[in-house]
Amino acid sequence: MNTLEKLTLFYDGACPLCQAEILFLSRRNQAGLLDFVDINSEHFDSEKIGISCEQALASMYGQYANGVLIQGVAVFPEAYRRANLPFLAWMFSRKLLQPILQVGYRFFAKNRHTISGLFGPAALSLVKATSSKSTP
C-alpha cells in the first residue's frame, strides 16, 4: 500500500512535551496527512470520536480518515510515516522493541505532566528555535 490515509492525532495541549512533539510533526506535515486536535479544545468531540477525554488523557489516540482508532505506541510509527520520518517509523514499528516501547510509553503517559514539567519547556523551546531557523 503506497497511499497513506490521513491520520488525526489527539493530544494534550496542556502538556509542553506533547506540544513540542505536535509542533515538530506539524512542521513535517508537508503532505497534509496529519491533523491535530487538542483534547482540551472545543474541537474535541468525544461522542463523535468514540473516546472520552479521560481515555484520551490516559493514552495517545489517532484516528484514520475511515474512522478506525489506534492508540498508544501504535500511533507513533503511523504519525512518523506521514511526517516523512522513515527511520523513526521503522524503529517504532519493530516487533522486538514493542515490549520496551509499551512499558516506556505507559510510564510516560501516566507521568507525562511531571516529565513534561522537567523537559517540556526546553523541548518546546528547542523545536520552536530549530523551526524558526529553517523558516525563510
Protein backbone atom coordinates (compact mmCIF):
# COMPACT_ATOMS: atom_id res chain seq x y z
CA MET A 1 0.00 0.00 0.00
CA ASN A 2 1.69 3.20 -1.18
CA THR A 3 -1.10 5.62 -0.35
CA LEU A 4 -1.33 6.67 3.27
CA GLU A 5 -4.69 7.58 4.73
CA LYS A 6 -4.98 10.85 6.69
CA LEU A 7 -4.48 10.45 10.45
CA THR A 8 -5.80 12.75 13.15
CA LEU A 9 -3.77 12.86 16.36
CA PHE A 10 -5.50 13.69 19.64
CA TYR A 11 -3.05 15.29 22.06
CA ASP A 12 -2.93 17.03 25.44
CA GLY A 13 -2.35 20.70 24.66
CA ALA A 14 -1.67 21.36 28.37
CA CYS A 15 1.48 19.20 28.18
CA PRO A 16 4.56 21.12 26.92
CA LEU A 17 6.32 17.92 25.80
CA CYS A 18 3.20 16.90 23.88
CA GLN A 19 3.04 20.38 22.35
CA ALA A 20 6.68 20.05 21.25
CA GLU A 21 6.01 16.71 19.54
CA ILE A 22 2.92 18.07 17.78
CA LEU A 23 4.75 21.22 16.66
CA PHE A 24 7.61 19.06 15.35
CA LEU A 25 5.19 16.80 13.45
CA SER A 26 3.13 19.70 12.13
CA ARG A 27 6.24 21.29 10.63
CA ARG A 28 7.00 17.99 8.86
CA ASN A 29 3.43 17.59 7.61
CA GLN A 30 4.16 18.73 4.04
CA ALA A 31 1.92 16.04 2.55
CA GLY A 32 -1.01 17.15 4.74
CA LEU A 33 -1.57 13.60 6.00
CA LEU A 34 -1.78 14.61 9.67
CA ASP A 35 -4.41 16.58 11.53
CA PHE A 36 -4.08 17.59 15.17
CA VAL A 37 -6.80 18.05 17.78
CA ASP A 38 -6.12 19.31 21.30
CA ILE A 39 -8.33 17.22 23.59
CA ASN A 40 -8.77 20.29 25.81
CA SER A 41 -10.32 22.32 22.97
CA GLU A 42 -13.85 22.65 21.63
CA HIS A 43 -12.68 20.73 18.53
CA PHE A 44 -12.51 17.50 20.56
CA ASP A 45 -15.90 15.77 20.30
CA SER A 46 -15.72 12.64 22.43
CA GLU A 47 -19.09 11.31 21.23
CA LYS A 48 -18.20 11.71 17.56
CA ILE A 49 -14.74 10.18 18.04
CA GLY A 50 -15.79 7.41 20.40
CA ILE A 51 -13.32 8.06 23.22
CA SER A 52 -13.74 10.09 26.38
CA CYS A 53 -11.48 12.93 27.40
CA GLU A 54 -10.24 10.71 30.26
CA GLN A 55 -9.31 7.96 27.81
CA ALA A 56 -7.54 10.50 25.58
CA LEU A 57 -5.63 11.83 28.61
CA ALA A 58 -4.57 8.30 29.57
CA SER A 59 -3.19 7.34 26.15
CA MET A 60 -2.29 8.87 22.79
CA TYR A 61 -5.00 8.23 20.22
CA GLY A 62 -5.07 8.56 16.48
CA GLN A 63 -7.97 8.18 14.09
CA TYR A 64 -7.70 7.31 10.42
CA ALA A 65 -9.93 9.12 7.93
CA ASN A 66 -12.07 5.95 7.76
CA GLY A 67 -12.87 6.29 11.50
CA VAL A 68 -10.65 3.49 12.81
CA LEU A 69 -8.95 4.39 16.11
CA ILE A 70 -5.44 3.40 17.15
CA GLN A 71 -3.82 4.11 20.50
CA GLY A 72 -0.59 4.13 22.46
CA VAL A 73 2.70 3.18 20.83
CA ALA A 74 0.89 2.15 17.61
CA VAL A 75 0.15 5.83 16.91
CA PHE A 76 3.80 6.87 16.64
CA PRO A 77 5.01 4.87 13.61
CA GLU A 78 1.86 5.88 11.74
CA ALA A 79 2.40 9.56 12.57
CA TYR A 80 6.11 9.35 11.69
CA ARG A 81 5.34 7.73 8.32
CA ARG A 82 3.02 10.60 7.47
CA ALA A 83 5.59 13.17 8.64
CA ASN A 84 8.22 11.63 6.33
CA LEU A 85 10.36 10.32 9.19
CA PRO A 86 11.05 6.80 7.90
CA PHE A 87 13.72 5.84 10.45
CA LEU A 88 11.51 6.74 13.42
CA ALA A 89 8.54 4.97 11.78
CA TRP A 90 10.69 1.88 11.26
CA MET A 91 12.08 1.96 14.81
CA PHE A 92 8.67 2.39 16.48
CA SER A 93 7.19 -0.45 14.42
CA ARG A 94 9.78 -3.14 15.31
CA LYS A 95 8.10 -6.10 17.00
CA LEU A 96 11.22 -6.79 19.05
CA LEU A 97 11.07 -3.29 20.58
CA GLN A 98 7.31 -3.31 21.27
CA PRO A 99 7.50 -4.60 24.87
CA ILE A 100 10.08 -1.93 25.81
CA LEU A 101 8.18 0.80 23.96
CA GLN A 102 4.88 -0.23 25.58
CA VAL A 103 6.34 -0.11 29.11
CA GLY A 104 8.11 3.18 28.41
CA TYR A 105 5.02 4.73 26.90
CA ARG A 106 2.74 3.61 29.76
CA PHE A 107 5.20 5.15 32.24
CA PHE A 108 5.35 8.37 30.22
CA ALA A 109 1.55 8.60 29.77
CA LYS A 110 0.95 8.12 33.49
CA ASN A 111 3.64 10.66 34.47
CA ARG A 112 3.63 12.99 31.46
CA HIS A 113 2.86 16.17 33.39
CA THR A 114 5.75 15.61 35.80
CA ILE A 115 8.11 14.58 32.98
CA SER A 116 6.86 17.42 30.82
CA GLY A 117 7.39 19.89 33.64
CA LEU A 118 11.05 18.84 33.71
CA PHE A 119 11.79 18.51 29.99
CA GLY A 120 8.82 20.00 28.12
CA PRO A 121 9.70 23.72 28.21
CA ALA A 122 13.24 23.01 26.95
CA ALA A 123 11.95 20.65 24.23
CA LEU A 124 9.31 23.14 23.15
CA SER A 125 11.88 25.96 23.02
CA LEU A 126 14.26 23.76 21.03
CA VAL A 127 11.59 22.82 18.49
CA LYS A 128 10.49 26.44 18.14
CA ALA A 129 14.09 27.67 17.77
CA THR A 130 15.00 24.94 15.29
CA SER A 131 11.94 25.53 13.17
CA SER A 132 12.36 29.30 13.12
CA LYS A 133 15.90 28.88 11.77
CA SER A 134 14.63 26.74 8.90
CA THR A 135 11.81 29.13 8.05
CA PRO A 136 12.85 31.71 5.41
